[in-house]
N, C-alpha and C. Protein backbone atom coordinates (compact mmCIF):
# COMPACT_ATOMS: atom_id res chain seq x y z
N MET A 1 -7.71 -22.52 -23.66
CA MET A 1 -8.25 -21.46 -22.50
C MET A 1 -7.91 -22.03 -21.18
N ASP A 2 -7.85 -23.27 -21.02
CA ASP A 2 -7.50 -23.95 -19.83
C ASP A 2 -5.94 -23.82 -19.36
N LYS A 3 -5.27 -23.67 -20.46
CA LYS A 3 -4.00 -23.71 -20.26
C LYS A 3 -3.42 -22.50 -19.84
N VAL A 4 -4.40 -21.51 -20.31
CA VAL A 4 -3.87 -20.18 -20.12
C VAL A 4 -4.26 -19.92 -18.64
N LYS A 5 -5.44 -20.37 -18.13
CA LYS A 5 -5.93 -20.27 -16.84
C LYS A 5 -4.89 -20.87 -15.75
N ALA A 6 -4.64 -22.03 -16.11
CA ALA A 6 -3.34 -22.86 -15.53
C ALA A 6 -2.24 -22.12 -15.28
N ALA A 7 -1.78 -21.40 -16.32
CA ALA A 7 -0.47 -20.70 -16.45
C ALA A 7 -0.88 -19.53 -15.34
N PHE A 8 -1.89 -18.60 -15.52
CA PHE A 8 -2.09 -17.69 -14.64
C PHE A 8 -2.23 -17.94 -13.38
N VAL A 9 -2.99 -19.15 -12.79
CA VAL A 9 -3.09 -19.46 -11.38
C VAL A 9 -1.74 -20.03 -11.17
N ALA A 10 -0.92 -20.74 -11.62
CA ALA A 10 0.48 -20.97 -11.21
C ALA A 10 1.63 -19.88 -11.11
N ALA A 11 1.37 -18.89 -12.04
CA ALA A 11 2.03 -17.77 -11.92
C ALA A 11 1.83 -16.93 -10.68
N PHE A 12 0.54 -16.84 -10.33
CA PHE A 12 0.15 -15.84 -9.13
C PHE A 12 0.33 -16.74 -7.78
N SER A 13 0.38 -18.05 -8.08
CA SER A 13 0.44 -18.93 -6.94
C SER A 13 1.96 -18.68 -6.36
N MET A 14 2.91 -18.93 -7.37
CA MET A 14 4.27 -18.66 -7.25
C MET A 14 4.61 -17.38 -6.54
N ILE A 15 3.99 -16.15 -7.29
CA ILE A 15 4.49 -14.81 -6.72
C ILE A 15 3.66 -14.78 -5.15
N PHE A 16 2.75 -15.19 -5.07
CA PHE A 16 1.99 -14.97 -3.76
C PHE A 16 2.75 -15.82 -2.76
N GLY A 17 3.13 -17.11 -3.13
CA GLY A 17 3.78 -17.88 -2.41
C GLY A 17 5.12 -17.47 -1.64
N TRP A 18 6.06 -16.75 -2.65
CA TRP A 18 7.26 -16.14 -2.28
C TRP A 18 7.09 -14.87 -1.38
N LEU A 19 5.93 -14.01 -1.64
CA LEU A 19 5.65 -12.86 -1.08
C LEU A 19 5.17 -13.21 0.55
N GLY A 20 4.64 -14.38 0.75
CA GLY A 20 4.07 -14.87 1.98
C GLY A 20 3.22 -13.59 2.49
N ILE A 21 3.78 -13.29 3.78
CA ILE A 21 2.76 -12.18 4.52
C ILE A 21 2.51 -10.88 3.88
N LEU A 22 3.61 -10.70 3.01
CA LEU A 22 3.44 -9.59 2.06
C LEU A 22 2.27 -9.55 1.06
N ALA A 23 1.91 -10.68 0.64
CA ALA A 23 1.03 -10.95 -0.57
C ALA A 23 -0.35 -10.20 -0.36
N VAL A 24 -1.00 -10.09 0.64
CA VAL A 24 -2.36 -9.63 0.85
C VAL A 24 -2.01 -8.07 0.83
N PRO A 25 -1.14 -7.55 1.82
CA PRO A 25 -1.07 -5.98 1.64
C PRO A 25 -0.87 -5.56 0.31
N VAL A 26 0.11 -6.32 -0.58
CA VAL A 26 0.41 -5.87 -2.05
C VAL A 26 -0.74 -5.68 -2.80
N LEU A 27 -1.43 -6.98 -2.75
CA LEU A 27 -2.76 -6.84 -3.46
C LEU A 27 -3.77 -5.77 -2.86
N ILE A 28 -3.79 -5.49 -1.79
CA ILE A 28 -4.90 -4.37 -1.04
C ILE A 28 -4.55 -2.99 -1.64
N LEU A 29 -3.12 -2.96 -1.77
CA LEU A 29 -2.44 -1.71 -1.80
C LEU A 29 -2.54 -1.39 -3.57
N ALA A 30 -2.29 -2.29 -4.20
CA ALA A 30 -2.69 -2.07 -5.60
C ALA A 30 -3.87 -1.68 -6.10
N GLY A 31 -4.88 -2.38 -5.34
CA GLY A 31 -6.48 -1.96 -5.62
C GLY A 31 -6.55 -0.66 -5.27
N LEU A 32 -6.04 -0.47 -4.15
CA LEU A 32 -6.45 1.06 -3.42
C LEU A 32 -5.65 2.05 -4.20
N ASN A 33 -4.46 1.82 -4.69
CA ASN A 33 -3.94 2.81 -5.73
C ASN A 33 -4.62 3.16 -6.95
N PHE A 34 -5.35 2.31 -7.24
CA PHE A 34 -6.11 2.51 -8.56
C PHE A 34 -7.18 3.20 -8.08
N THR A 35 -8.02 3.04 -7.04
CA THR A 35 -9.40 3.23 -6.56
C THR A 35 -8.74 4.83 -6.07
N ASP A 36 -7.88 5.14 -5.56
CA ASP A 36 -7.59 6.43 -5.14
C ASP A 36 -7.29 7.37 -6.49
N TYR A 37 -6.63 6.81 -7.20
CA TYR A 37 -6.39 7.73 -8.60
C TYR A 37 -7.85 7.92 -9.14
N ILE A 38 -8.53 6.97 -9.32
CA ILE A 38 -9.82 7.31 -9.91
C ILE A 38 -10.71 8.25 -9.28
N THR A 39 -10.91 7.97 -7.69
CA THR A 39 -11.80 8.90 -7.16
C THR A 39 -11.29 10.32 -6.82
N GLY A 40 -9.64 10.51 -7.04
CA GLY A 40 -9.12 11.65 -6.93
C GLY A 40 -9.33 12.46 -8.13
N ILE A 41 -9.38 11.97 -9.54
CA ILE A 41 -9.95 12.57 -10.59
C ILE A 41 -11.38 13.00 -10.42
N LEU A 42 -12.43 12.01 -10.08
CA LEU A 42 -13.65 12.51 -9.91
C LEU A 42 -13.96 13.54 -8.95
N ALA A 43 -12.96 13.38 -7.88
CA ALA A 43 -13.34 14.47 -6.77
C ALA A 43 -12.75 15.89 -7.16
N SER A 44 -11.64 15.74 -7.85
CA SER A 44 -11.14 17.12 -8.80
C SER A 44 -12.26 17.78 -9.35
N LYS A 45 -12.85 17.05 -9.88
CA LYS A 45 -14.01 17.81 -10.94
C LYS A 45 -14.93 18.40 -9.95
N ARG A 46 -15.34 17.78 -8.72
CA ARG A 46 -16.28 18.39 -7.90
C ARG A 46 -15.82 19.53 -7.11
N ARG A 47 -14.30 19.57 -6.78
CA ARG A 47 -13.66 20.56 -6.20
C ARG A 47 -13.44 21.92 -7.09
N ASN A 48 -13.96 21.86 -8.26
CA ASN A 48 -13.68 22.64 -9.43
C ASN A 48 -12.26 22.73 -9.66
N GLU A 49 -11.47 21.81 -9.46
CA GLU A 49 -9.86 21.72 -9.83
C GLU A 49 -9.71 21.25 -11.27
N LEU A 50 -8.79 22.14 -11.94
CA LEU A 50 -8.67 21.84 -13.22
C LEU A 50 -7.74 20.22 -13.14
N VAL A 51 -8.33 19.32 -14.06
CA VAL A 51 -7.74 17.99 -14.20
C VAL A 51 -6.91 18.09 -15.37
N THR A 52 -5.58 17.88 -15.23
CA THR A 52 -4.58 18.31 -16.16
C THR A 52 -3.80 16.72 -16.35
N SER A 53 -3.12 16.67 -17.60
CA SER A 53 -2.20 15.37 -17.70
C SER A 53 -1.05 15.57 -16.72
N ASP A 54 -0.63 16.92 -16.44
CA ASP A 54 0.69 17.00 -15.55
C ASP A 54 0.21 16.43 -14.32
N LYS A 55 -1.16 16.90 -13.72
CA LYS A 55 -1.41 16.72 -12.25
C LYS A 55 -1.62 15.06 -12.31
N GLY A 56 -2.33 14.48 -13.34
CA GLY A 56 -2.32 13.18 -13.45
C GLY A 56 -1.26 12.20 -13.27
N LEU A 57 -0.14 12.64 -14.22
CA LEU A 57 1.30 12.21 -14.09
C LEU A 57 1.75 12.09 -13.03
N TRP A 58 1.81 13.28 -12.09
CA TRP A 58 2.39 13.45 -10.97
C TRP A 58 1.47 12.27 -9.86
N GLY A 59 0.18 12.12 -10.01
CA GLY A 59 -0.39 11.22 -9.08
C GLY A 59 -0.01 10.10 -9.25
N ILE A 60 0.54 9.47 -10.69
CA ILE A 60 1.03 8.12 -10.90
C ILE A 60 2.50 8.15 -10.47
N VAL A 61 3.35 9.27 -10.56
CA VAL A 61 4.64 9.33 -10.12
C VAL A 61 4.44 8.89 -8.40
N LYS A 62 3.43 9.60 -7.80
CA LYS A 62 3.40 9.49 -6.25
C LYS A 62 3.02 7.89 -6.11
N LYS A 63 2.25 7.27 -6.83
CA LYS A 63 1.78 5.89 -6.40
C LYS A 63 3.41 4.99 -6.72
N ILE A 64 3.97 5.35 -7.57
CA ILE A 64 5.34 4.75 -7.95
C ILE A 64 6.03 4.68 -6.73
N GLY A 65 6.13 6.03 -6.20
CA GLY A 65 6.93 6.39 -4.99
C GLY A 65 6.45 5.38 -3.79
N MET A 66 5.29 5.23 -3.69
CA MET A 66 4.88 4.12 -2.79
C MET A 66 5.48 2.71 -2.86
N TRP A 67 5.43 2.31 -4.23
CA TRP A 67 5.93 0.86 -4.47
C TRP A 67 7.51 1.14 -4.30
N ILE A 68 7.94 2.01 -4.43
CA ILE A 68 9.53 2.03 -4.11
C ILE A 68 9.68 2.09 -2.59
N LEU A 69 8.82 2.80 -1.84
CA LEU A 69 8.96 2.48 -0.49
C LEU A 69 8.75 1.01 -0.01
N VAL A 70 7.85 0.37 -0.51
CA VAL A 70 7.57 -1.14 -0.06
C VAL A 70 8.86 -1.76 -0.60
N GLY A 71 9.37 -1.40 -1.77
CA GLY A 71 10.61 -2.06 -2.23
C GLY A 71 11.90 -1.85 -1.19
N LEU A 72 12.04 -0.76 -0.48
CA LEU A 72 12.90 -0.22 0.25
C LEU A 72 12.70 -1.05 1.82
N GLY A 73 11.55 -1.21 1.95
CA GLY A 73 11.33 -2.02 3.20
C GLY A 73 11.65 -3.52 2.99
N TRP A 74 11.35 -3.99 1.84
CA TRP A 74 11.77 -5.57 1.30
C TRP A 74 13.40 -5.53 1.50
N ALA A 75 14.24 -4.43 0.88
CA ALA A 75 15.46 -4.39 0.96
C ALA A 75 16.04 -4.33 2.46
N MET A 76 15.58 -3.80 3.26
CA MET A 76 15.75 -3.64 4.85
C MET A 76 15.70 -4.83 5.30
N ASP A 77 14.33 -5.68 5.09
CA ASP A 77 14.23 -7.10 5.50
C ASP A 77 15.40 -8.09 5.02
N VAL A 78 15.72 -8.05 3.87
CA VAL A 78 16.66 -8.77 3.29
C VAL A 78 18.20 -8.60 3.86
N LEU A 79 18.37 -7.26 4.35
CA LEU A 79 19.68 -6.72 4.89
C LEU A 79 19.62 -7.25 6.23
N ILE A 80 18.59 -6.92 6.96
CA ILE A 80 18.29 -7.59 8.56
C ILE A 80 18.46 -9.14 8.32
N ASN A 81 18.24 -10.05 7.64
CA ASN A 81 18.25 -11.37 7.71
C ASN A 81 19.66 -11.57 7.42
N TYR A 82 20.14 -11.11 6.29
CA TYR A 82 21.58 -11.27 5.78
C TYR A 82 22.57 -11.00 6.93
N ALA A 83 22.43 -9.79 7.60
CA ALA A 83 23.37 -9.33 8.85
C ALA A 83 23.21 -10.44 9.97
N GLY A 84 21.97 -10.43 10.35
CA GLY A 84 21.87 -11.51 11.30
C GLY A 84 22.52 -12.82 11.18
N GLN A 85 22.53 -13.24 10.07
CA GLN A 85 23.29 -14.57 9.73
C GLN A 85 24.71 -14.89 10.08
N TYR A 86 25.24 -13.52 9.81
CA TYR A 86 26.66 -13.40 10.29
C TYR A 86 27.13 -13.06 11.50
N VAL A 87 26.02 -12.48 12.46
CA VAL A 87 26.59 -12.30 13.62
C VAL A 87 25.95 -13.45 14.80
N GLY A 88 25.57 -14.38 13.90
CA GLY A 88 24.87 -15.60 14.75
C GLY A 88 23.63 -15.11 15.32
N LEU A 89 22.91 -14.51 14.61
CA LEU A 89 21.52 -14.29 14.98
C LEU A 89 20.73 -15.15 13.99
N SER A 90 19.65 -15.97 14.47
CA SER A 90 19.07 -16.94 13.34
C SER A 90 17.62 -16.24 13.41
N ILE A 91 17.55 -14.88 13.00
CA ILE A 91 16.26 -14.16 13.04
C ILE A 91 15.87 -14.16 11.47
N LYS A 92 14.73 -14.71 11.30
CA LYS A 92 14.04 -14.86 10.14
C LYS A 92 12.84 -13.90 9.88
N LEU A 93 12.97 -12.84 9.48
CA LEU A 93 11.72 -12.04 9.45
C LEU A 93 11.48 -11.83 7.78
N PRO A 94 10.52 -12.46 7.53
CA PRO A 94 9.84 -12.66 6.18
C PRO A 94 9.02 -11.42 5.78
N PHE A 95 9.77 -10.42 5.23
CA PHE A 95 8.99 -9.21 4.87
C PHE A 95 8.36 -8.31 5.96
N VAL A 96 8.83 -8.55 7.09
CA VAL A 96 8.15 -7.79 8.26
C VAL A 96 8.10 -6.07 8.13
N VAL A 97 9.25 -5.50 7.63
CA VAL A 97 9.41 -4.21 7.48
C VAL A 97 8.64 -3.70 6.11
N ALA A 98 8.69 -4.61 5.09
CA ALA A 98 7.99 -4.17 4.00
C ALA A 98 6.38 -4.24 4.30
N THR A 99 6.18 -5.37 5.07
CA THR A 99 4.56 -5.42 5.24
C THR A 99 4.21 -4.16 6.14
N ILE A 100 4.85 -3.75 7.11
CA ILE A 100 4.44 -2.58 7.90
C ILE A 100 4.44 -1.33 7.01
N VAL A 101 5.35 -1.45 6.08
CA VAL A 101 5.27 0.06 5.17
C VAL A 101 4.10 -0.08 4.32
N ALA A 102 3.90 -1.25 3.76
CA ALA A 102 2.78 -1.44 2.92
C ALA A 102 1.34 -1.17 3.67
N VAL A 103 1.23 -1.77 5.12
CA VAL A 103 -0.05 -1.40 5.77
C VAL A 103 -0.11 0.29 6.16
N TRP A 104 0.89 0.93 6.39
CA TRP A 104 0.72 2.32 6.53
C TRP A 104 0.29 2.99 5.30
N LEU A 105 0.78 2.43 4.21
CA LEU A 105 0.63 2.99 2.87
C LEU A 105 -0.98 2.85 2.58
N ILE A 106 -1.47 1.70 3.13
CA ILE A 106 -2.83 1.38 2.90
C ILE A 106 -3.74 2.21 3.51
N CYS A 107 -3.36 2.45 4.85
CA CYS A 107 -4.17 3.36 5.58
C CYS A 107 -4.06 4.72 5.01
N ASN A 108 -2.90 5.24 4.60
CA ASN A 108 -2.98 6.68 3.82
C ASN A 108 -3.94 6.46 2.48
N GLU A 109 -3.86 5.67 1.91
CA GLU A 109 -5.03 5.37 0.70
C GLU A 109 -6.31 5.30 1.02
N ILE A 110 -6.33 4.53 2.22
CA ILE A 110 -8.02 4.60 2.63
C ILE A 110 -8.44 6.06 3.02
N ILE A 111 -7.62 6.62 3.64
CA ILE A 111 -7.93 8.13 4.31
C ILE A 111 -8.10 8.97 3.09
N SER A 112 -7.25 8.80 1.95
CA SER A 112 -7.41 9.78 0.83
C SER A 112 -8.61 9.32 -0.11
N ILE A 113 -9.00 7.87 -0.14
CA ILE A 113 -10.36 7.51 -0.88
C ILE A 113 -11.48 8.09 0.09
N LEU A 114 -11.46 7.99 1.27
CA LEU A 114 -12.59 8.60 1.93
C LEU A 114 -12.73 10.19 1.89
N GLU A 115 -11.55 10.80 1.88
CA GLU A 115 -11.71 12.27 1.61
C GLU A 115 -12.25 12.61 0.29
N ASN A 116 -11.94 11.80 -0.91
CA ASN A 116 -12.23 11.98 -1.94
C ASN A 116 -13.73 11.59 -2.20
N LEU A 117 -14.30 10.69 -1.70
CA LEU A 117 -15.76 10.20 -1.57
C LEU A 117 -16.54 11.24 -0.93
N LEU A 118 -16.05 11.80 0.14
CA LEU A 118 -16.85 13.03 0.77
C LEU A 118 -16.73 14.20 -0.04
N ASP A 119 -15.72 14.54 -0.94
CA ASP A 119 -15.56 15.59 -1.71
C ASP A 119 -16.82 15.45 -2.95
N ILE A 120 -16.76 14.21 -3.29
CA ILE A 120 -17.72 13.72 -4.50
C ILE A 120 -19.12 13.89 -4.05
N GLY A 121 -19.32 13.67 -2.76
CA GLY A 121 -20.61 13.89 -2.12
C GLY A 121 -21.40 12.19 -1.62
N VAL A 122 -20.49 11.42 -1.55
CA VAL A 122 -21.20 10.31 -0.83
C VAL A 122 -21.17 10.32 0.57
N ALA A 123 -22.36 9.91 0.93
CA ALA A 123 -22.68 9.95 2.35
C ALA A 123 -21.82 9.00 3.03
N MET A 124 -21.21 9.11 4.07
CA MET A 124 -19.93 8.36 4.91
C MET A 124 -20.59 8.25 6.36
N PRO A 125 -20.47 6.64 6.71
CA PRO A 125 -20.75 6.64 8.14
C PRO A 125 -19.83 7.33 9.01
N PRO A 126 -20.11 7.83 10.21
CA PRO A 126 -19.23 8.77 10.97
C PRO A 126 -18.04 8.11 11.51
N PHE A 127 -17.97 6.72 11.68
CA PHE A 127 -17.00 6.04 12.20
C PHE A 127 -15.88 5.59 11.20
N LEU A 128 -16.16 5.79 10.04
CA LEU A 128 -14.95 5.28 9.00
C LEU A 128 -13.61 6.13 9.14
N MET A 129 -13.79 7.21 8.88
CA MET A 129 -12.44 8.43 8.66
C MET A 129 -11.97 8.06 10.40
N PRO A 130 -12.40 8.34 11.46
CA PRO A 130 -11.75 7.97 12.61
C PRO A 130 -11.02 6.80 12.78
N LEU A 131 -11.86 5.66 12.25
CA LEU A 131 -11.35 4.35 12.30
C LEU A 131 -10.02 4.32 11.42
N ALA A 132 -9.99 4.54 10.55
CA ALA A 132 -8.83 4.60 9.36
C ALA A 132 -7.65 5.28 9.98
N ARG A 133 -7.99 6.46 10.69
CA ARG A 133 -7.00 7.38 11.24
C ARG A 133 -6.31 6.64 12.53
N MET A 134 -7.09 6.03 13.27
CA MET A 134 -6.78 5.26 14.43
C MET A 134 -5.90 4.14 13.90
N ILE A 135 -6.32 3.43 13.09
CA ILE A 135 -5.49 2.20 12.52
C ILE A 135 -4.07 2.58 12.21
N LYS A 136 -3.99 3.81 11.23
CA LYS A 136 -2.73 4.37 10.78
C LYS A 136 -1.84 4.73 12.07
N GLY A 137 -2.54 5.36 13.23
CA GLY A 137 -1.93 5.96 14.33
C GLY A 137 -1.34 4.83 14.90
N GLN A 138 -1.94 3.61 15.00
CA GLN A 138 -1.69 2.32 15.77
C GLN A 138 -0.37 1.88 15.26
N VAL A 139 -0.23 1.80 13.67
CA VAL A 139 0.84 1.15 12.96
C VAL A 139 2.07 2.15 13.55
N GLU A 140 1.77 3.52 13.28
CA GLU A 140 2.82 4.52 13.74
C GLU A 140 3.38 4.36 15.00
N ASP A 141 2.42 3.99 15.95
CA ASP A 141 2.86 4.06 17.56
C ASP A 141 3.51 2.86 17.70
N LYS A 142 3.36 1.64 16.91
CA LYS A 142 3.85 0.20 17.35
C LYS A 142 5.17 0.19 16.63
N THR A 143 5.31 0.99 15.73
CA THR A 143 6.96 1.12 14.79
C THR A 143 7.73 2.20 15.37
N LYS A 144 7.33 3.03 16.32
CA LYS A 144 7.85 4.40 16.82
C LYS A 144 9.49 3.81 17.12
N MET A 145 10.26 4.63 16.69
CA MET A 145 11.66 4.35 17.16
C MET A 145 12.42 5.59 17.58
N ASP A 146 13.23 5.70 18.26
CA ASP A 146 14.06 6.92 18.62
C ASP A 146 15.01 6.93 17.73
N ALA A 147 15.43 8.30 17.02
CA ALA A 147 16.20 8.31 16.13
C ALA A 147 17.63 8.69 16.54
């Protein structure tokens, strides 16, 4: 059992060491994906919506799409660092784009979970939803670019 624990700790240490600043958002996003899926199913019953395997499958597809977005952010980080190397820029951005994408997705998941909890009938402090929307807006404002 100690060898299993040691292997588990070593594997996670290696992964989280490699992820750097992206480690915490990845962990939070994974937990919130699961929580949103479960609260969404529970809220559907309270909304008198039919819970079907097709609807559940599309929920999972949506979560996979979120992870694809984080992966695309990572690819952009790699590309920026790679291109910077060859034009004489010594920019080292360790997962900045991927982290911003993950934080934005985390805000969306939090808002969705709060909406689900309201539909389930959970009493909610009045500041939570506005706070989540404000944080999401801050991320959007700080990363706004002219296309």
